[in-house]
Amino acid sequence: MQARIMDILKKNQLSVTESRKKILELFQDNPGALAHHDIELKTGEKFDRVTIYRTLQTFVEKGILHTIPSADNSIRYALCKDECTEGHHHDNHVHFICDKCETTYCLEAITVPEVKLPKGFVPNQIEVVVNGKCRNCVK
């Protein structure tokens, strides 16, 4: 796992810091998306809010993480796939947020449909978020 983290940082020409290593490790250990608050809780007092925020922003800019909006206007983050690069996200899949446990899932098998915009409109990003109960909470 540590080798994979080091590869990601080196590939993106980022210096290796404890905060970057730890935050990437959290994303690799968690199958769903994480919010800033989740990362704060899981890292304890080791890193301050600003360090976490800057690290997340850097990872989004470099194509390491992608953002997922939620109904409460917070942002969650999930690992990008290998085809994402700096400034070019290719995470065209649907996200599912469970109303009960609040877990966010990347549904990679379901792609976002093409949106035909009027002439003169150019999209930067299209997001599809589905809210409901996940298979663990439906029981």
N, C-alpha and C. Protein backbone atom coordinates (compact mmCIF):
# COMPACT_ATOMS: atom_id res chain seq x y z
N MET A 1 0.83 -1.20 0.00
CA MET A 1 0.00 0.00 0.00
C MET A 1 0.87 1.26 0.00
N GLN A 2 1.89 1.29 0.83
CA GLN A 2 2.76 2.46 0.89
C GLN A 2 3.44 2.71 -0.46
N ALA A 3 3.79 1.63 -1.17
CA ALA A 3 4.42 1.79 -2.48
C ALA A 3 3.45 2.45 -3.45
N ARG A 4 2.18 2.06 -3.40
CA ARG A 4 1.16 2.65 -4.28
C ARG A 4 0.99 4.14 -3.97
N ILE A 5 0.99 4.49 -2.70
CA ILE A 5 0.86 5.89 -2.30
C ILE A 5 2.06 6.70 -2.81
N MET A 6 3.24 6.15 -2.65
CA MET A 6 4.45 6.84 -3.12
C MET A 6 4.41 7.02 -4.64
N ASP A 7 3.93 5.99 -5.36
CA ASP A 7 3.81 6.07 -6.82
C ASP A 7 2.87 7.19 -7.24
N ILE A 8 1.73 7.30 -6.54
CA ILE A 8 0.75 8.35 -6.87
C ILE A 8 1.35 9.72 -6.68
N LEU A 9 2.04 9.93 -5.56
CA LEU A 9 2.63 11.24 -5.29
C LEU A 9 3.73 11.57 -6.29
N LYS A 10 4.59 10.61 -6.59
CA LYS A 10 5.69 10.85 -7.53
C LYS A 10 5.17 11.08 -8.94
N LYS A 11 4.19 10.28 -9.36
CA LYS A 11 3.60 10.42 -10.69
C LYS A 11 3.03 11.83 -10.90
N ASN A 12 2.50 12.39 -9.82
CA ASN A 12 1.89 13.73 -9.90
C ASN A 12 2.84 14.84 -9.49
N GLN A 13 4.11 14.51 -9.36
CA GLN A 13 5.16 15.47 -9.03
C GLN A 13 4.84 16.25 -7.76
N LEU A 14 4.39 15.51 -6.73
CA LEU A 14 4.08 16.11 -5.44
C LEU A 14 5.13 15.67 -4.43
N SER A 15 5.52 16.59 -3.58
CA SER A 15 6.45 16.21 -2.52
C SER A 15 5.74 15.26 -1.55
N VAL A 16 6.52 14.36 -0.99
CA VAL A 16 5.97 13.36 -0.08
C VAL A 16 5.96 13.95 1.33
N THR A 17 4.75 14.18 1.85
CA THR A 17 4.61 14.70 3.21
C THR A 17 3.77 13.71 4.01
N GLU A 18 3.86 13.80 5.31
CA GLU A 18 3.08 12.91 6.17
C GLU A 18 1.58 13.10 5.94
N SER A 19 1.14 14.35 5.78
CA SER A 19 -0.29 14.58 5.59
C SER A 19 -0.77 13.97 4.27
N ARG A 20 -0.01 14.13 3.21
CA ARG A 20 -0.41 13.55 1.93
C ARG A 20 -0.44 12.04 1.99
N LYS A 21 0.55 11.44 2.60
CA LYS A 21 0.59 9.98 2.72
C LYS A 21 -0.60 9.47 3.54
N LYS A 22 -0.85 10.11 4.66
CA LYS A 22 -1.93 9.66 5.55
C LYS A 22 -3.30 9.82 4.90
N ILE A 23 -3.53 10.95 4.25
CA ILE A 23 -4.82 11.19 3.61
C ILE A 23 -5.05 10.22 2.45
N LEU A 24 -4.03 9.96 1.65
CA LEU A 24 -4.17 8.97 0.58
C LEU A 24 -4.43 7.58 1.15
N GLU A 25 -3.78 7.27 2.24
CA GLU A 25 -3.99 5.98 2.90
C GLU A 25 -5.45 5.83 3.36
N LEU A 26 -6.02 6.91 3.90
CA LEU A 26 -7.43 6.88 4.31
C LEU A 26 -8.34 6.56 3.13
N PHE A 27 -8.07 7.18 1.99
CA PHE A 27 -8.92 6.94 0.82
C PHE A 27 -8.75 5.51 0.30
N GLN A 28 -7.54 4.97 0.39
CA GLN A 28 -7.33 3.60 -0.07
C GLN A 28 -7.96 2.59 0.88
N ASP A 29 -8.08 2.93 2.15
CA ASP A 29 -8.65 2.03 3.14
C ASP A 29 -10.17 2.09 3.21
N ASN A 30 -10.79 3.14 2.64
CA ASN A 30 -12.24 3.32 2.70
C ASN A 30 -12.85 3.15 1.32
N PRO A 31 -13.83 2.26 1.18
CA PRO A 31 -14.43 2.02 -0.13
C PRO A 31 -15.29 3.17 -0.63
N GLY A 32 -15.84 3.96 0.26
CA GLY A 32 -16.71 5.07 -0.14
C GLY A 32 -15.96 6.38 -0.17
N ALA A 33 -16.71 7.45 -0.31
CA ALA A 33 -16.14 8.79 -0.33
C ALA A 33 -16.00 9.31 1.10
N LEU A 34 -15.15 10.30 1.26
CA LEU A 34 -14.93 10.92 2.57
C LEU A 34 -15.15 12.42 2.48
N ALA A 35 -15.71 12.98 3.54
CA ALA A 35 -15.84 14.43 3.65
C ALA A 35 -14.65 14.96 4.45
N HIS A 36 -14.43 16.26 4.39
CA HIS A 36 -13.35 16.90 5.14
C HIS A 36 -13.44 16.51 6.62
N HIS A 37 -14.66 16.54 7.13
CA HIS A 37 -14.89 16.21 8.55
C HIS A 37 -14.47 14.77 8.87
N ASP A 38 -14.76 13.84 7.96
CA ASP A 38 -14.37 12.44 8.15
C ASP A 38 -12.86 12.31 8.28
N ILE A 39 -12.16 13.04 7.45
CA ILE A 39 -10.70 12.98 7.46
C ILE A 39 -10.16 13.58 8.76
N GLU A 40 -10.77 14.67 9.20
CA GLU A 40 -10.36 15.26 10.48
C GLU A 40 -10.51 14.25 11.62
N LEU A 41 -11.64 13.55 11.65
CA LEU A 41 -11.88 12.57 12.71
C LEU A 41 -10.90 11.41 12.64
N LYS A 42 -10.61 10.95 11.44
CA LYS A 42 -9.75 9.77 11.29
C LYS A 42 -8.27 10.08 11.48
N THR A 43 -7.87 11.33 11.30
CA THR A 43 -6.46 11.68 11.51
C THR A 43 -6.23 12.23 12.90
N GLY A 44 -7.31 12.47 13.64
CA GLY A 44 -7.16 13.00 15.00
C GLY A 44 -6.60 14.40 14.97
N GLU A 45 -5.75 14.70 15.91
CA GLU A 45 -5.17 16.04 16.01
C GLU A 45 -3.87 16.16 15.23
N LYS A 46 -3.56 15.15 14.44
CA LYS A 46 -2.29 15.11 13.73
C LYS A 46 -2.15 16.23 12.69
N PHE A 47 -3.25 16.57 12.00
CA PHE A 47 -3.21 17.60 10.96
C PHE A 47 -4.31 18.62 11.20
N ASP A 48 -4.01 19.88 10.95
CA ASP A 48 -5.03 20.91 11.14
C ASP A 48 -5.95 20.99 9.92
N ARG A 49 -7.05 21.72 10.08
CA ARG A 49 -8.06 21.84 9.04
C ARG A 49 -7.50 22.40 7.74
N VAL A 50 -6.63 23.38 7.85
CA VAL A 50 -6.08 24.02 6.65
C VAL A 50 -5.20 23.05 5.87
N THR A 51 -4.40 22.28 6.58
CA THR A 51 -3.54 21.29 5.92
C THR A 51 -4.39 20.27 5.18
N ILE A 52 -5.44 19.79 5.82
CA ILE A 52 -6.33 18.83 5.18
C ILE A 52 -7.00 19.46 3.97
N TYR A 53 -7.52 20.66 4.11
CA TYR A 53 -8.19 21.35 3.01
C TYR A 53 -7.24 21.53 1.82
N ARG A 54 -6.05 22.01 2.08
CA ARG A 54 -5.07 22.23 0.99
C ARG A 54 -4.68 20.93 0.32
N THR A 55 -4.52 19.89 1.10
CA THR A 55 -4.16 18.59 0.55
C THR A 55 -5.28 18.08 -0.36
N LEU A 56 -6.53 18.19 0.09
CA LEU A 56 -7.66 17.76 -0.72
C LEU A 56 -7.74 18.55 -2.02
N GLN A 57 -7.56 19.86 -1.93
CA GLN A 57 -7.61 20.70 -3.13
C GLN A 57 -6.50 20.33 -4.11
N THR A 58 -5.32 20.09 -3.61
CA THR A 58 -4.20 19.69 -4.46
C THR A 58 -4.50 18.36 -5.14
N PHE A 59 -5.04 17.41 -4.40
CA PHE A 59 -5.37 16.10 -4.97
C PHE A 59 -6.45 16.21 -6.03
N VAL A 60 -7.42 17.09 -5.85
CA VAL A 60 -8.45 17.30 -6.87
C VAL A 60 -7.83 17.92 -8.12
N GLU A 61 -7.01 18.93 -7.94
CA GLU A 61 -6.36 19.60 -9.08
C GLU A 61 -5.48 18.64 -9.87
N LYS A 62 -4.82 17.72 -9.19
CA LYS A 62 -3.91 16.78 -9.84
C LYS A 62 -4.62 15.56 -10.43
N GLY A 63 -5.93 15.42 -10.21
CA GLY A 63 -6.66 14.28 -10.74
C GLY A 63 -6.52 13.03 -9.89
N ILE A 64 -6.17 13.20 -8.62
CA ILE A 64 -6.06 12.07 -7.70
C ILE A 64 -7.41 11.78 -7.05
N LEU A 65 -8.14 12.84 -6.72
CA LEU A 65 -9.47 12.75 -6.13
C LEU A 65 -10.48 13.47 -7.01
N HIS A 66 -11.73 13.07 -6.91
CA HIS A 66 -12.81 13.83 -7.53
C HIS A 66 -13.83 14.19 -6.45
N THR A 67 -14.58 15.24 -6.71
CA THR A 67 -15.55 15.73 -5.74
C THR A 67 -16.94 15.19 -6.05
N ILE A 68 -17.72 15.07 -4.98
CA ILE A 68 -19.10 14.61 -5.10
C ILE A 68 -19.95 15.56 -4.26
N PRO A 69 -20.86 16.29 -4.88
CA PRO A 69 -21.71 17.19 -4.10
C PRO A 69 -22.77 16.39 -3.35
N SER A 70 -23.25 16.94 -2.26
CA SER A 70 -24.32 16.27 -1.52
C SER A 70 -25.46 17.25 -1.29
N ALA A 71 -26.59 16.72 -0.87
CA ALA A 71 -27.80 17.53 -0.69
C ALA A 71 -27.62 18.62 0.36
N ASP A 72 -26.72 18.41 1.33
CA ASP A 72 -26.52 19.41 2.38
C ASP A 72 -25.43 20.42 2.02
N ASN A 73 -25.08 20.47 0.73
CA ASN A 73 -24.07 21.40 0.20
C ASN A 73 -22.66 21.15 0.72
N SER A 74 -22.41 19.97 1.25
CA SER A 74 -21.04 19.62 1.61
C SER A 74 -20.43 18.88 0.43
N ILE A 75 -19.13 18.75 0.45
CA ILE A 75 -18.43 18.06 -0.63
C ILE A 75 -17.77 16.82 -0.07
N ARG A 76 -17.91 15.75 -0.78
CA ARG A 76 -17.21 14.51 -0.44
C ARG A 76 -16.19 14.25 -1.53
N TYR A 77 -15.19 13.47 -1.18
CA TYR A 77 -14.09 13.20 -2.09
C TYR A 77 -13.92 11.70 -2.25
N ALA A 78 -13.57 11.26 -3.45
CA ALA A 78 -13.30 9.85 -3.72
C ALA A 78 -12.10 9.75 -4.65
N LEU A 79 -11.41 8.62 -4.58
CA LEU A 79 -10.26 8.40 -5.44
C LEU A 79 -10.67 8.35 -6.89
N CYS A 80 -9.87 8.97 -7.74
CA CYS A 80 -10.07 8.88 -9.18
C CYS A 80 -9.46 7.59 -9.70
N LYS A 81 -9.85 7.22 -10.87
CA LYS A 81 -9.23 6.08 -11.53
C LYS A 81 -7.96 6.56 -12.22
N ASP A 82 -7.19 5.64 -12.72
CA ASP A 82 -5.89 5.96 -13.31
C ASP A 82 -5.95 6.89 -14.51
N GLU A 83 -7.09 6.94 -15.21
CA GLU A 83 -7.15 7.77 -16.41
C GLU A 83 -7.36 9.26 -16.12
N CYS A 84 -7.56 9.65 -14.89
CA CYS A 84 -7.68 11.06 -14.54
C CYS A 84 -6.28 11.67 -14.45
N THR A 85 -6.18 12.90 -14.92
CA THR A 85 -4.91 13.62 -14.87
C THR A 85 -5.17 15.04 -14.42
N GLU A 86 -4.12 15.80 -14.26
CA GLU A 86 -4.26 17.18 -13.82
C GLU A 86 -5.16 17.96 -14.76
N GLY A 87 -6.24 18.48 -14.20
CA GLY A 87 -7.18 19.29 -14.98
C GLY A 87 -8.14 18.49 -15.85
N HIS A 88 -8.03 17.16 -15.87
CA HIS A 88 -8.89 16.34 -16.73
C HIS A 88 -9.42 15.15 -15.94
N HIS A 89 -10.61 15.33 -15.39
CA HIS A 89 -11.26 14.24 -14.67
C HIS A 89 -12.11 13.43 -15.63
N HIS A 90 -12.04 12.13 -15.50
CA HIS A 90 -12.81 11.23 -16.35
C HIS A 90 -13.68 10.31 -15.49
N ASP A 91 -14.18 10.85 -14.42
CA ASP A 91 -15.02 10.08 -13.51
C ASP A 91 -16.48 10.29 -13.88
N ASN A 92 -16.86 9.80 -15.05
CA ASN A 92 -18.21 9.99 -15.56
C ASN A 92 -19.13 8.86 -15.12
N HIS A 93 -19.23 8.71 -13.81
CA HIS A 93 -20.11 7.68 -13.27
C HIS A 93 -21.07 8.31 -12.27
N VAL A 94 -22.10 7.55 -11.95
CA VAL A 94 -23.12 8.01 -11.02
C VAL A 94 -22.64 7.78 -9.59
N HIS A 95 -23.01 8.69 -8.70
CA HIS A 95 -22.72 8.54 -7.28
C HIS A 95 -24.02 8.30 -6.52
N PHE A 96 -23.95 7.45 -5.50
CA PHE A 96 -25.11 7.14 -4.69
C PHE A 96 -24.79 7.50 -3.24
N ILE A 97 -25.64 8.29 -2.62
CA ILE A 97 -25.46 8.67 -1.22
C ILE A 97 -26.62 8.09 -0.42
N CYS A 98 -26.27 7.27 0.57
CA CYS A 98 -27.29 6.65 1.41
C CYS A 98 -27.83 7.66 2.42
N ASP A 99 -29.15 7.81 2.44
CA ASP A 99 -29.79 8.75 3.37
C ASP A 99 -29.67 8.30 4.82
N LYS A 100 -29.50 6.99 5.04
CA LYS A 100 -29.47 6.48 6.40
C LYS A 100 -28.05 6.46 6.98
N CYS A 101 -27.11 5.77 6.32
CA CYS A 101 -25.75 5.65 6.87
C CYS A 101 -24.80 6.72 6.34
N GLU A 102 -25.25 7.47 5.33
CA GLU A 102 -24.50 8.57 4.72
C GLU A 102 -23.25 8.12 3.96
N THR A 103 -23.16 6.83 3.64
CA THR A 103 -22.05 6.34 2.84
C THR A 103 -22.27 6.77 1.40
N THR A 104 -21.19 7.18 0.74
CA THR A 104 -21.24 7.57 -0.66
C THR A 104 -20.54 6.50 -1.49
N TYR A 105 -21.20 6.05 -2.54
CA TYR A 105 -20.66 5.01 -3.40
C TYR A 105 -20.43 5.56 -4.80
N CYS A 106 -19.32 5.19 -5.41
CA CYS A 106 -19.09 5.46 -6.83
C CYS A 106 -19.64 4.26 -7.59
N LEU A 107 -20.67 4.47 -8.36
CA LEU A 107 -21.28 3.40 -9.16
C LEU A 107 -20.66 3.45 -10.55
N GLU A 108 -19.49 2.89 -10.65
CA GLU A 108 -18.69 3.01 -11.87
C GLU A 108 -19.28 2.29 -13.07
N ALA A 109 -20.12 1.31 -12.84
CA ALA A 109 -20.74 0.59 -13.95
C ALA A 109 -21.86 1.40 -14.60
N ILE A 110 -22.29 2.47 -13.94
CA ILE A 110 -23.37 3.31 -14.48
C ILE A 110 -22.75 4.64 -14.90
N THR A 111 -22.69 4.86 -16.19
CA THR A 111 -22.09 6.10 -16.69
C THR A 111 -23.12 7.21 -16.78
N VAL A 112 -22.63 8.42 -16.67
CA VAL A 112 -23.48 9.60 -16.78
C VAL A 112 -23.88 9.73 -18.25
N PRO A 113 -25.16 9.88 -18.53
CA PRO A 113 -25.58 10.02 -19.93
C PRO A 113 -25.08 11.33 -20.53
N GLU A 114 -24.91 11.32 -21.83
CA GLU A 114 -24.48 12.53 -22.53
C GLU A 114 -25.61 13.56 -22.44
N VAL A 115 -25.24 14.78 -22.14
CA VAL A 115 -26.21 15.86 -22.03
C VAL A 115 -26.03 16.77 -23.24
N LYS A 116 -27.07 16.89 -24.04
CA LYS A 116 -27.04 17.76 -25.22
C LYS A 116 -27.39 19.17 -24.78
N LEU A 117 -26.41 20.03 -24.81
CA LEU A 117 -26.62 21.43 -24.40
C LEU A 117 -26.89 22.29 -25.63
N PRO A 118 -27.56 23.42 -25.43
CA PRO A 118 -27.79 24.33 -26.55
C PRO A 118 -26.46 24.84 -27.11
N LYS A 119 -26.51 25.28 -28.33
CA LYS A 119 -25.32 25.82 -29.01
C LYS A 119 -24.74 26.97 -28.18
N GLY A 120 -23.42 26.95 -28.03
CA GLY A 120 -22.74 27.99 -27.27
C GLY A 120 -22.47 27.63 -25.81
N PHE A 121 -23.00 26.51 -25.35
CA PHE A 121 -22.77 26.06 -23.98
C PHE A 121 -21.74 24.94 -24.00
N VAL A 122 -20.76 25.03 -23.12
CA VAL A 122 -19.71 24.02 -23.03
C VAL A 122 -19.61 23.55 -21.58
N PRO A 123 -19.91 22.28 -21.31
CA PRO A 123 -19.86 21.80 -19.92
C PRO A 123 -18.42 21.55 -19.45
N ASN A 124 -18.18 21.80 -18.19
CA ASN A 124 -16.90 21.44 -17.58
C ASN A 124 -17.04 20.12 -16.85
N GLN A 125 -18.19 19.93 -16.22
CA GLN A 125 -18.39 18.73 -15.42
C GLN A 125 -19.89 18.47 -15.33
N ILE A 126 -20.25 17.19 -15.39
CA ILE A 126 -21.64 16.79 -15.23
C ILE A 126 -21.68 15.81 -14.07
N GLU A 127 -22.56 16.07 -13.11
CA GLU A 127 -22.63 15.23 -11.92
C GLU A 127 -24.03 14.66 -11.78
N VAL A 128 -24.09 13.36 -11.52
CA VAL A 128 -25.36 12.71 -11.24
C VAL A 128 -25.23 12.06 -9.87
N VAL A 129 -26.07 12.51 -8.95
CA VAL A 129 -26.06 11.98 -7.59
C VAL A 129 -27.44 11.41 -7.30
N VAL A 130 -27.47 10.18 -6.85
CA VAL A 130 -28.72 9.51 -6.49
C VAL A 130 -28.72 9.35 -4.97
N ASN A 131 -29.81 9.76 -4.35
CA ASN A 131 -29.97 9.58 -2.90
C ASN A 131 -31.00 8.49 -2.66
N GLY A 132 -30.81 7.75 -1.57
CA GLY A 132 -31.74 6.69 -1.21
C GLY A 132 -31.14 5.86 -0.10
N LYS A 133 -31.53 4.60 -0.02
CA LYS A 133 -30.97 3.68 0.98
C LYS A 133 -30.12 2.64 0.28
N CYS A 134 -28.91 2.44 0.80
CA CYS A 134 -28.01 1.45 0.23
C CYS A 134 -28.45 0.05 0.61
N ARG A 135 -27.82 -0.95 -0.01
CA ARG A 135 -28.20 -2.34 0.23
C ARG A 135 -28.04 -2.75 1.68
N ASN A 136 -27.13 -2.11 2.41
CA ASN A 136 -26.93 -2.44 3.82
C ASN A 136 -28.04 -1.86 4.71
N CYS A 137 -28.65 -0.76 4.28
CA CYS A 137 -29.66 -0.09 5.10
C CYS A 137 -31.09 -0.46 4.73
N VAL A 138 -31.28 -1.09 3.58
CA VAL A 138 -32.62 -1.47 3.15
C VAL A 138 -33.15 -2.61 4.00
N LYS A 139 -32.27 -3.41 4.52
CA LYS A 139 -32.65 -4.61 5.31
C LYS A 139 -33.55 -4.29 6.46
